[in-house]
Amino acid sequence: MGLIDNFTAEDRVDVKFSDFYNLTKQAAELELVMNAVRCNVPHRYIREMSSGKSEKQIDNKQ
């Protein structure tokens, strides 16, 4: 019998609001990143979206 067998589908767990907020925030961030990956958004834009900071654009023109 494993640890997971001790829980039923409707068990309640005490969670602090700050922990719940952090879990919800991380889930939303992950969903946005996964949607960007599925839609083939360039990596630079995904990094900028995740960090909130603009990256310098590198000109490869010669």
N, C-alpha and C. Protein backbone atom coordinates (compact mmCIF):
# COMPACT_ATOMS: atom_id res chain seq x y z
N MET A 1 0.85 -1.17 0.00
CA MET A 1 0.00 0.00 0.00
C MET A 1 0.90 1.24 0.00
N GLY A 2 0.71 2.11 -0.97
CA GLY A 2 1.54 3.30 -1.10
C GLY A 2 0.93 4.53 -0.43
N LEU A 3 1.67 5.58 -0.45
CA LEU A 3 1.23 6.84 0.15
C LEU A 3 -0.03 7.37 -0.52
N ILE A 4 -0.11 7.25 -1.82
CA ILE A 4 -1.25 7.77 -2.56
C ILE A 4 -2.55 7.04 -2.22
N ASP A 5 -2.46 5.82 -1.73
CA ASP A 5 -3.65 5.06 -1.37
C ASP A 5 -4.32 5.60 -0.11
N ASN A 6 -3.65 6.48 0.63
CA ASN A 6 -4.23 7.04 1.84
C ASN A 6 -5.19 8.20 1.56
N PHE A 7 -5.23 8.68 0.32
CA PHE A 7 -6.08 9.81 -0.04
C PHE A 7 -7.23 9.35 -0.91
N THR A 8 -8.38 9.98 -0.72
CA THR A 8 -9.51 9.72 -1.61
C THR A 8 -9.67 10.92 -2.53
N ALA A 9 -10.59 10.82 -3.47
CA ALA A 9 -10.75 11.88 -4.46
C ALA A 9 -11.22 13.19 -3.84
N GLU A 10 -11.91 13.15 -2.74
CA GLU A 10 -12.48 14.36 -2.16
C GLU A 10 -11.87 14.75 -0.82
N ASP A 11 -10.65 14.32 -0.52
CA ASP A 11 -9.99 14.73 0.72
C ASP A 11 -9.70 16.22 0.70
N ARG A 12 -9.78 16.84 1.86
CA ARG A 12 -9.46 18.26 2.00
C ARG A 12 -8.09 18.38 2.65
N VAL A 13 -7.37 19.38 2.20
CA VAL A 13 -6.03 19.62 2.71
C VAL A 13 -5.95 21.09 3.11
N ASP A 14 -5.43 21.35 4.29
CA ASP A 14 -5.26 22.73 4.73
C ASP A 14 -4.08 23.36 3.98
N VAL A 15 -4.36 24.50 3.35
CA VAL A 15 -3.34 25.21 2.59
C VAL A 15 -3.41 26.68 2.97
N LYS A 16 -2.25 27.27 3.24
CA LYS A 16 -2.21 28.70 3.52
C LYS A 16 -2.53 29.46 2.24
N PHE A 17 -3.13 30.64 2.38
CA PHE A 17 -3.49 31.42 1.20
C PHE A 17 -2.26 31.75 0.36
N SER A 18 -1.15 32.08 1.00
CA SER A 18 0.06 32.43 0.24
C SER A 18 0.55 31.24 -0.59
N ASP A 19 0.46 30.03 -0.04
CA ASP A 19 0.86 28.84 -0.80
C ASP A 19 -0.10 28.61 -1.97
N PHE A 20 -1.39 28.78 -1.71
CA PHE A 20 -2.39 28.61 -2.78
C PHE A 20 -2.17 29.64 -3.88
N TYR A 21 -1.90 30.88 -3.49
CA TYR A 21 -1.65 31.94 -4.47
C TYR A 21 -0.43 31.59 -5.33
N ASN A 22 0.65 31.15 -4.70
CA ASN A 22 1.86 30.79 -5.45
C ASN A 22 1.61 29.63 -6.40
N LEU A 23 0.86 28.62 -5.97
CA LEU A 23 0.53 27.49 -6.85
C LEU A 23 -0.28 27.96 -8.06
N THR A 24 -1.26 28.82 -7.81
CA THR A 24 -2.11 29.32 -8.89
C THR A 24 -1.30 30.17 -9.86
N LYS A 25 -0.43 31.02 -9.32
CA LYS A 25 0.40 31.88 -10.16
C LYS A 25 1.34 31.05 -11.04
N GLN A 26 1.98 30.05 -10.46
CA GLN A 26 2.89 29.20 -11.22
C GLN A 26 2.14 28.41 -12.29
N ALA A 27 0.94 27.95 -11.98
CA ALA A 27 0.14 27.22 -12.97
C ALA A 27 -0.22 28.12 -14.15
N ALA A 28 -0.57 29.36 -13.87
CA ALA A 28 -0.90 30.30 -14.95
C ALA A 28 0.32 30.60 -15.81
N GLU A 29 1.48 30.80 -15.17
CA GLU A 29 2.71 31.05 -15.92
C GLU A 29 3.05 29.87 -16.82
N LEU A 30 2.94 28.68 -16.29
CA LEU A 30 3.24 27.48 -17.08
C LEU A 30 2.29 27.37 -18.26
N GLU A 31 1.02 27.64 -18.03
CA GLU A 31 0.05 27.55 -19.12
C GLU A 31 0.39 28.53 -20.24
N LEU A 32 0.78 29.76 -19.89
CA LEU A 32 1.15 30.75 -20.90
C LEU A 32 2.38 30.30 -21.69
N VAL A 33 3.38 29.79 -20.99
CA VAL A 33 4.59 29.34 -21.67
C VAL A 33 4.29 28.15 -22.58
N MET A 34 3.51 27.21 -22.10
CA MET A 34 3.19 26.03 -22.93
C MET A 34 2.37 26.43 -24.15
N ASN A 35 1.45 27.37 -24.01
CA ASN A 35 0.69 27.85 -25.17
C ASN A 35 1.61 28.52 -26.17
N ALA A 36 2.59 29.29 -25.69
CA ALA A 36 3.55 29.94 -26.58
C ALA A 36 4.38 28.90 -27.32
N VAL A 37 4.81 27.86 -26.64
CA VAL A 37 5.61 26.81 -27.28
C VAL A 37 4.78 26.08 -28.33
N ARG A 38 3.55 25.76 -28.01
CA ARG A 38 2.68 25.06 -28.97
C ARG A 38 2.40 25.89 -30.22
N CYS A 39 2.41 27.22 -30.06
CA CYS A 39 2.13 28.11 -31.19
C CYS A 39 3.39 28.58 -31.91
N ASN A 40 4.52 27.97 -31.58
CA ASN A 40 5.80 28.27 -32.23
C ASN A 40 6.22 29.73 -32.09
N VAL A 41 5.99 30.32 -30.93
CA VAL A 41 6.47 31.66 -30.65
C VAL A 41 7.99 31.58 -30.49
N PRO A 42 8.73 32.52 -31.08
CA PRO A 42 10.20 32.47 -30.95
C PRO A 42 10.64 32.50 -29.48
N HIS A 43 11.72 31.79 -29.20
CA HIS A 43 12.19 31.64 -27.82
C HIS A 43 12.47 32.97 -27.14
N ARG A 44 12.99 33.92 -27.91
CA ARG A 44 13.31 35.23 -27.33
C ARG A 44 12.07 35.86 -26.72
N TYR A 45 10.95 35.79 -27.41
CA TYR A 45 9.72 36.40 -26.91
C TYR A 45 9.18 35.66 -25.68
N ILE A 46 9.35 34.35 -25.67
CA ILE A 46 8.91 33.58 -24.50
C ILE A 46 9.76 33.96 -23.28
N ARG A 47 11.09 34.09 -23.47
CA ARG A 47 11.96 34.49 -22.37
C ARG A 47 11.60 35.88 -21.87
N GLU A 48 11.33 36.81 -22.78
CA GLU A 48 10.96 38.16 -22.39
C GLU A 48 9.63 38.17 -21.64
N MET A 49 8.68 37.36 -22.08
CA MET A 49 7.38 37.28 -21.42
C MET A 49 7.54 36.72 -20.01
N SER A 50 8.38 35.71 -19.87
CA SER A 50 8.56 35.06 -18.57
C SER A 50 9.31 35.94 -17.58
N SER A 51 10.33 36.65 -18.07
CA SER A 51 11.15 37.46 -17.17
C SER A 51 10.61 38.87 -16.98
N GLY A 52 9.88 39.37 -17.96
CA GLY A 52 9.37 40.74 -17.89
C GLY A 52 10.40 41.77 -18.29
N LYS A 53 11.52 41.32 -18.85
CA LYS A 53 12.59 42.24 -19.25
C LYS A 53 12.88 42.07 -20.74
N SER A 54 13.11 43.19 -21.42
CA SER A 54 13.45 43.15 -22.83
C SER A 54 14.89 42.70 -23.00
N GLU A 55 15.13 41.94 -24.04
CA GLU A 55 16.48 41.54 -24.38
C GLU A 55 16.98 42.44 -25.51
N LYS A 56 18.28 42.64 -25.53
CA LYS A 56 18.85 43.43 -26.62
C LYS A 56 18.73 42.65 -27.92
N GLN A 57 18.40 43.39 -28.97
CA GLN A 57 18.29 42.73 -30.27
C GLN A 57 19.67 42.71 -30.91
N ILE A 58 20.06 41.55 -31.39
CA ILE A 58 21.37 41.39 -32.03
C ILE A 58 21.18 41.44 -33.53
N ASP A 59 21.87 42.37 -34.16
CA ASP A 59 21.80 42.48 -35.62
C ASP A 59 22.84 41.55 -36.23
N ASN A 60 22.40 40.64 -37.08
CA ASN A 60 23.31 39.70 -37.74
C ASN A 60 23.58 40.14 -39.18
N LYS A 61 23.31 41.40 -39.49
CA LYS A 61 23.55 41.89 -40.84
C LYS A 61 25.02 42.15 -41.05
N GLN A 62 25.50 41.79 -42.23
CA GLN A 62 26.92 42.02 -42.53
C GLN A 62 27.05 42.76 -43.82
